[in-house]
Amino acid sequence: MQDSQLTKNALFASMKELMAKYPMEKIKIVNNVERCNMNQQSFYYRFKDNYDFVNWVYYL
């Protein structure tokens, strides 16, 4: 599997756990990337914002 796909899958798993606890509006990108031991630039390289990310997850 490509590194990019592994990164996206890690972000997805983290977001899934966060969304079980908090509403989407309360989740910040920094919360998600810290749980994956990444920096924010890794997220922004792939997605515009949290809504773009959730849109990707929806069409997964």
PDB file of N, CA and C in Angstrom:
ATOM      1  N   MET A   1       0.845  -1.172   0.000  1.00  0.00           N
ATOM      2  CA  MET A   1       0.000   0.000   0.000  1.00  0.00           C
ATOM      3  C   MET A   1       0.896   1.242   0.000  1.00  0.00           C
ATOM      4  N   GLN A   2       0.500   2.267  -0.705  1.00  0.00           N
ATOM      5  CA  GLN A   2       1.286   3.488  -0.789  1.00  0.00           C
ATOM      6  C   GLN A   2       1.303   4.209   0.548  1.00  0.00           C
ATOM      7  N   ASP A   3       2.369   4.976   0.778  1.00  0.00           N
ATOM      8  CA  ASP A   3       2.477   5.754   2.014  1.00  0.00           C
ATOM      9  C   ASP A   3       1.315   6.725   2.165  1.00  0.00           C
ATOM     10  N   SER A   4       0.910   7.335   1.061  1.00  0.00           N
ATOM     11  CA  SER A   4      -0.195   8.290   1.106  1.00  0.00           C
ATOM     12  C   SER A   4      -1.474   7.616   1.594  1.00  0.00           C
ATOM     13  N   GLN A   5      -1.728   6.424   1.117  1.00  0.00           N
ATOM     14  CA  GLN A   5      -2.926   5.694   1.538  1.00  0.00           C
ATOM     15  C   GLN A   5      -2.822   5.282   3.003  1.00  0.00           C
ATOM     16  N   LEU A   6      -1.636   4.899   3.452  1.00  0.00           N
ATOM     17  CA  LEU A   6      -1.441   4.558   4.863  1.00  0.00           C
ATOM     18  C   LEU A   6      -1.700   5.767   5.754  1.00  0.00           C
ATOM     19  N   THR A   7      -1.236   6.926   5.308  1.00  0.00           N
ATOM     20  CA  THR A   7      -1.462   8.167   6.057  1.00  0.00           C
ATOM     21  C   THR A   7      -2.941   8.479   6.135  1.00  0.00           C
ATOM     22  N   LYS A   8      -3.625   8.376   5.017  1.00  0.00           N
ATOM     23  CA  LYS A   8      -5.065   8.646   5.001  1.00  0.00           C
ATOM     24  C   LYS A   8      -5.815   7.665   5.890  1.00  0.00           C
ATOM     25  N   ASN A   9      -5.429   6.406   5.873  1.00  0.00           N
ATOM     26  CA  ASN A   9      -6.087   5.409   6.715  1.00  0.00           C
ATOM     27  C   ASN A   9      -5.845   5.676   8.196  1.00  0.00           C
ATOM     28  N   ALA A  10      -4.648   6.124   8.547  1.00  0.00           N
ATOM     29  CA  ALA A  10      -4.352   6.464   9.943  1.00  0.00           C
ATOM     30  C   ALA A  10      -5.193   7.656  10.381  1.00  0.00           C
ATOM     31  N   LEU A  11      -5.289   8.657   9.528  1.00  0.00           N
ATOM     32  CA  LEU A  11      -6.119   9.821   9.839  1.00  0.00           C
ATOM     33  C   LEU A  11      -7.586   9.426   9.975  1.00  0.00           C
ATOM     34  N   PHE A  12      -8.032   8.536   9.115  1.00  0.00           N
ATOM     35  CA  PHE A  12      -9.415   8.059   9.179  1.00  0.00           C
ATOM     36  C   PHE A  12      -9.703   7.344  10.499  1.00  0.00           C
ATOM     37  N   ALA A  13      -8.820   6.453  10.910  1.00  0.00           N
ATOM     38  CA  ALA A  13      -9.026   5.714  12.156  1.00  0.00           C
ATOM     39  C   ALA A  13      -9.056   6.664  13.350  1.00  0.00           C
ATOM     40  N   SER A  14      -8.176   7.642  13.339  1.00  0.00           N
ATOM     41  CA  SER A  14      -8.142   8.624  14.418  1.00  0.00           C
ATOM     42  C   SER A  14      -9.415   9.460  14.441  1.00  0.00           C
ATOM     43  N   MET A  15      -9.849   9.920  13.275  1.00  0.00           N
ATOM     44  CA  MET A  15     -11.065  10.743  13.193  1.00  0.00           C
ATOM     45  C   MET A  15     -12.285   9.955  13.644  1.00  0.00           C
ATOM     46  N   LYS A  16     -12.331   8.695  13.302  1.00  0.00           N
ATOM     47  CA  LYS A  16     -13.448   7.846  13.698  1.00  0.00           C
ATOM     48  C   LYS A  16     -13.552   7.777  15.225  1.00  0.00           C
ATOM     49  N   GLU A  17     -12.410   7.624  15.889  1.00  0.00           N
ATOM     50  CA  GLU A  17     -12.396   7.584  17.354  1.00  0.00           C
ATOM     51  C   GLU A  17     -12.799   8.937  17.944  1.00  0.00           C
ATOM     52  N   LEU A  18     -12.297  10.012  17.365  1.00  0.00           N
ATOM     53  CA  LEU A  18     -12.633  11.340  17.859  1.00  0.00           C
ATOM     54  C   LEU A  18     -14.117  11.647  17.688  1.00  0.00           C
ATOM     55  N   MET A  19     -14.683  11.242  16.553  1.00  0.00           N
ATOM     56  CA  MET A  19     -16.089  11.530  16.288  1.00  0.00           C
ATOM     57  C   MET A  19     -17.022  10.716  17.178  1.00  0.00           C
ATOM     58  N   ALA A  20     -16.521   9.629  17.735  1.00  0.00           N
ATOM     59  CA  ALA A  20     -17.320   8.854  18.686  1.00  0.00           C
ATOM     60  C   ALA A  20     -17.461   9.600  20.007  1.00  0.00           C
ATOM     61  N   LYS A  21     -16.530  10.518  20.270  1.00  0.00           N
ATOM     62  CA  LYS A  21     -16.526  11.248  21.536  1.00  0.00           C
ATOM     63  C   LYS A  21     -17.010  12.692  21.419  1.00  0.00           C
ATOM     64  N   TYR A  22     -16.732  13.327  20.255  1.00  0.00           N
ATOM     65  CA  TYR A  22     -16.985  14.752  20.108  1.00  0.00           C
ATOM     66  C   TYR A  22     -17.740  15.030  18.818  1.00  0.00           C
ATOM     67  N   PRO A  23     -18.509  16.131  18.783  1.00  0.00           N
ATOM     68  CA  PRO A  23     -19.140  16.518  17.511  1.00  0.00           C
ATOM     69  C   PRO A  23     -18.080  17.034  16.534  1.00  0.00           C
ATOM     70  N   MET A  24     -18.368  16.934  15.281  1.00  0.00           N
ATOM     71  CA  MET A  24     -17.433  17.322  14.216  1.00  0.00           C
ATOM     72  C   MET A  24     -16.920  18.750  14.399  1.00  0.00           C
ATOM     73  N   GLU A  25     -17.778  19.655  14.815  1.00  0.00           N
ATOM     74  CA  GLU A  25     -17.412  21.059  14.946  1.00  0.00           C
ATOM     75  C   GLU A  25     -16.358  21.291  16.026  1.00  0.00           C
ATOM     76  N   LYS A  26     -16.245  20.378  16.977  1.00  0.00           N
ATOM     77  CA  LYS A  26     -15.296  20.523  18.085  1.00  0.00           C
ATOM     78  C   LYS A  26     -13.935  19.890  17.788  1.00  0.00           C
ATOM     79  N   ILE A  27     -13.838  19.109  16.728  1.00  0.00           N
ATOM     80  CA  ILE A  27     -12.596  18.411  16.409  1.00  0.00           C
ATOM     81  C   ILE A  27     -11.721  19.304  15.544  1.00  0.00           C
ATOM     82  N   LYS A  28     -10.527  19.544  16.023  1.00  0.00           N
ATOM     83  CA  LYS A  28      -9.572  20.354  15.270  1.00  0.00           C
ATOM     84  C   LYS A  28      -8.580  19.432  14.575  1.00  0.00           C
ATOM     85  N   ILE A  29      -8.038  19.901  13.489  1.00  0.00           N
ATOM     86  CA  ILE A  29      -7.080  19.113  12.720  1.00  0.00           C
ATOM     87  C   ILE A  29      -5.902  18.708  13.598  1.00  0.00           C
ATOM     88  N   VAL A  30      -5.472  19.613  14.452  1.00  0.00           N
ATOM     89  CA  VAL A  30      -4.340  19.314  15.319  1.00  0.00           C
ATOM     90  C   VAL A  30      -4.648  18.121  16.240  1.00  0.00           C
ATOM     91  N   ASN A  31      -5.894  17.974  16.691  1.00  0.00           N
ATOM     92  CA  ASN A  31      -6.268  16.814  17.510  1.00  0.00           C
ATOM     93  C   ASN A  31      -6.080  15.526  16.734  1.00  0.00           C
ATOM     94  N   ASN A  32      -6.472  15.540  15.494  1.00  0.00           N
ATOM     95  CA  ASN A  32      -6.399  14.349  14.655  1.00  0.00           C
ATOM     96  C   ASN A  32      -4.949  13.981  14.340  1.00  0.00           C
ATOM     97  N   VAL A  33      -4.156  14.947  13.902  1.00  0.00           N
ATOM     98  CA  VAL A  33      -2.792  14.626  13.494  1.00  0.00           C
ATOM     99  C   VAL A  33      -1.906  14.253  14.677  1.00  0.00           C
ATOM    100  N   GLU A  34      -2.153  14.844  15.847  1.00  0.00           N
ATOM    101  CA  GLU A  34      -1.364  14.481  17.026  1.00  0.00           C
ATOM    102  C   GLU A  34      -1.588  13.019  17.411  1.00  0.00           C
ATOM    103  N   ARG A  35      -2.796  12.547  17.264  1.00  0.00           N
ATOM    104  CA  ARG A  35      -3.093  11.147  17.579  1.00  0.00           C
ATOM    105  C   ARG A  35      -2.371  10.202  16.617  1.00  0.00           C
ATOM    106  N   CYS A  36      -2.023  10.684  15.443  1.00  0.00           N
ATOM    107  CA  CYS A  36      -1.331   9.869  14.441  1.00  0.00           C
ATOM    108  C   CYS A  36       0.171  10.116  14.432  1.00  0.00           C
ATOM    109  N   ASN A  37       0.644  10.954  15.345  1.00  0.00           N
ATOM    110  CA  ASN A  37       2.065  11.339  15.388  1.00  0.00           C
ATOM    111  C   ASN A  37       2.529  11.932  14.061  1.00  0.00           C
ATOM    112  N   MET A  38       1.723  12.818  13.512  1.00  0.00           N
ATOM    113  CA  MET A  38       2.040  13.512  12.267  1.00  0.00           C
ATOM    114  C   MET A  38       2.057  15.008  12.538  1.00  0.00           C
ATOM    115  N   ASN A  39       2.478  15.758  11.544  1.00  0.00           N
ATOM    116  CA  ASN A  39       2.360  17.204  11.659  1.00  0.00           C
ATOM    117  C   ASN A  39       1.185  17.669  10.801  1.00  0.00           C
ATOM    118  N   GLN A  40       0.773  18.893  11.026  1.00  0.00           N
ATOM    119  CA  GLN A  40      -0.398  19.401  10.312  1.00  0.00           C
ATOM    120  C   GLN A  40      -0.157  19.488   8.809  1.00  0.00           C
ATOM    121  N   GLN A  41       1.067  19.716   8.401  1.00  0.00           N
ATOM    122  CA  GLN A  41       1.360  19.821   6.973  1.00  0.00           C
ATOM    123  C   GLN A  41       1.048  18.517   6.246  1.00  0.00           C
ATOM    124  N   SER A  42       1.230  17.394   6.920  1.00  0.00           N
ATOM    125  CA  SER A  42       0.884  16.103   6.312  1.00  0.00           C
ATOM    126  C   SER A  42      -0.603  16.051   5.981  1.00  0.00           C
ATOM    127  N   PHE A  43      -1.406  16.593   6.875  1.00  0.00           N
ATOM    128  CA  PHE A  43      -2.854  16.634   6.652  1.00  0.00           C
ATOM    129  C   PHE A  43      -3.182  17.577   5.493  1.00  0.00           C
ATOM    130  N   TYR A  44      -2.627  18.799   5.563  1.00  0.00           N
ATOM    131  CA  TYR A  44      -2.955  19.801   4.549  1.00  0.00           C
ATOM    132  C   TYR A  44      -2.397  19.457   3.170  1.00  0.00           C
ATOM    133  N   TYR A  45      -1.413  18.601   3.099  1.00  0.00           N
ATOM    134  CA  TYR A  45      -0.913  18.139   1.802  1.00  0.00           C
ATOM    135  C   TYR A  45      -1.987  17.323   1.082  1.00  0.00           C
ATOM    136  N   ARG A  46      -2.827  16.642   1.852  1.00  0.00           N
ATOM    137  CA  ARG A  46      -3.826  15.747   1.287  1.00  0.00           C
ATOM    138  C   ARG A  46      -5.239  16.317   1.276  1.00  0.00           C
ATOM    139  N   PHE A  47      -5.548  17.179   2.255  1.00  0.00           N
ATOM    140  CA  PHE A  47      -6.915  17.696   2.399  1.00  0.00           C
ATOM    141  C   PHE A  47      -6.907  19.189   2.671  1.00  0.00           C
ATOM    142  N   LYS A  48      -8.000  19.825   2.291  1.00  0.00           N
ATOM    143  CA  LYS A  48      -8.153  21.263   2.469  1.00  0.00           C
ATOM    144  C   LYS A  48      -8.512  21.606   3.920  1.00  0.00           C
ATOM    145  N   ASP A  49      -9.421  20.830   4.499  1.00  0.00           N
ATOM    146  CA  ASP A  49      -9.884  21.046   5.866  1.00  0.00           C
ATOM    147  C   ASP A  49     -10.596  19.780   6.340  1.00  0.00           C
ATOM    148  N   ASN A  50     -11.171  19.821   7.539  1.00  0.00           N
ATOM    149  CA  ASN A  50     -11.847  18.637   8.074  1.00  0.00           C
ATOM    150  C   ASN A  50     -13.036  18.215   7.214  1.00  0.00           C
ATOM    151  N   TYR A  51     -13.731  19.174   6.636  1.00  0.00           N
ATOM    152  CA  TYR A  51     -14.890  18.839   5.808  1.00  0.00           C
ATOM    153  C   TYR A  51     -14.462  18.152   4.509  1.00  0.00           C
ATOM    154  N   ASP A  52     -13.359  18.579   3.947  1.00  0.00           N
ATOM    155  CA  ASP A  52     -12.811  17.916   2.766  1.00  0.00           C
ATOM    156  C   ASP A  52     -12.409  16.483   3.124  1.00  0.00           C
ATOM    157  N   PHE A  53     -11.824  16.321   4.288  1.00  0.00           N
ATOM    158  CA  PHE A  53     -11.422  14.995   4.762  1.00  0.00           C
ATOM    159  C   PHE A  53     -12.638  14.088   4.948  1.00  0.00           C
ATOM    160  N   VAL A  54     -13.671  14.582   5.603  1.00  0.00           N
ATOM    161  CA  VAL A  54     -14.879  13.767   5.824  1.00  0.00           C
ATOM    162  C   VAL A  54     -15.551  13.455   4.496  1.00  0.00           C
ATOM    163  N   ASN A  55     -15.500  14.371   3.563  1.00  0.00           N
ATOM    164  CA  ASN A  55     -16.041  14.121   2.227  1.00  0.00           C
ATOM    165  C   ASN A  55     -15.286  12.963   1.568  1.00  0.00           C
ATOM    166  N   TRP A  56     -13.953  12.924   1.700  1.00  0.00           N
ATOM    167  CA  TRP A  56     -13.149  11.816   1.174  1.00  0.00           C
ATOM    168  C   TRP A  56     -13.563  10.496   1.838  1.00  0.00           C
ATOM    169  N   VAL A  57     -13.762  10.535   3.156  1.00  0.00           N
ATOM    170  CA  VAL A  57     -14.160   9.335   3.891  1.00  0.00           C
ATOM    171  C   VAL A  57     -15.516   8.840   3.388  1.00  0.00           C
ATOM    172  N   TYR A  58     -16.436   9.756   3.169  1.00  0.00           N
ATOM    173  CA  TYR A  58     -17.775   9.397   2.721  1.00  0.00           C
ATOM    174  C   TYR A  58     -17.738   8.677   1.377  1.00  0.00           C
ATOM    175  N   TYR A  59     -16.877   9.138   0.474  1.00  0.00           N
ATOM    176  CA  TYR A  59     -16.793   8.525  -0.846  1.00  0.00           C
ATOM    177  C   TYR A  59     -15.788   7.388  -0.916  1.00  0.00           C
ATOM    178  N   LEU A  60     -15.214   6.994   0.203  1.00  0.00           N
ATOM    179  CA  LEU A  60     -14.242   5.919   0.278  1.00  0.00           C
ATOM    180  C   LEU A  60     -14.805   4.638  -0.178  1.00  0.00           C
TER     181      LEU A  60
END
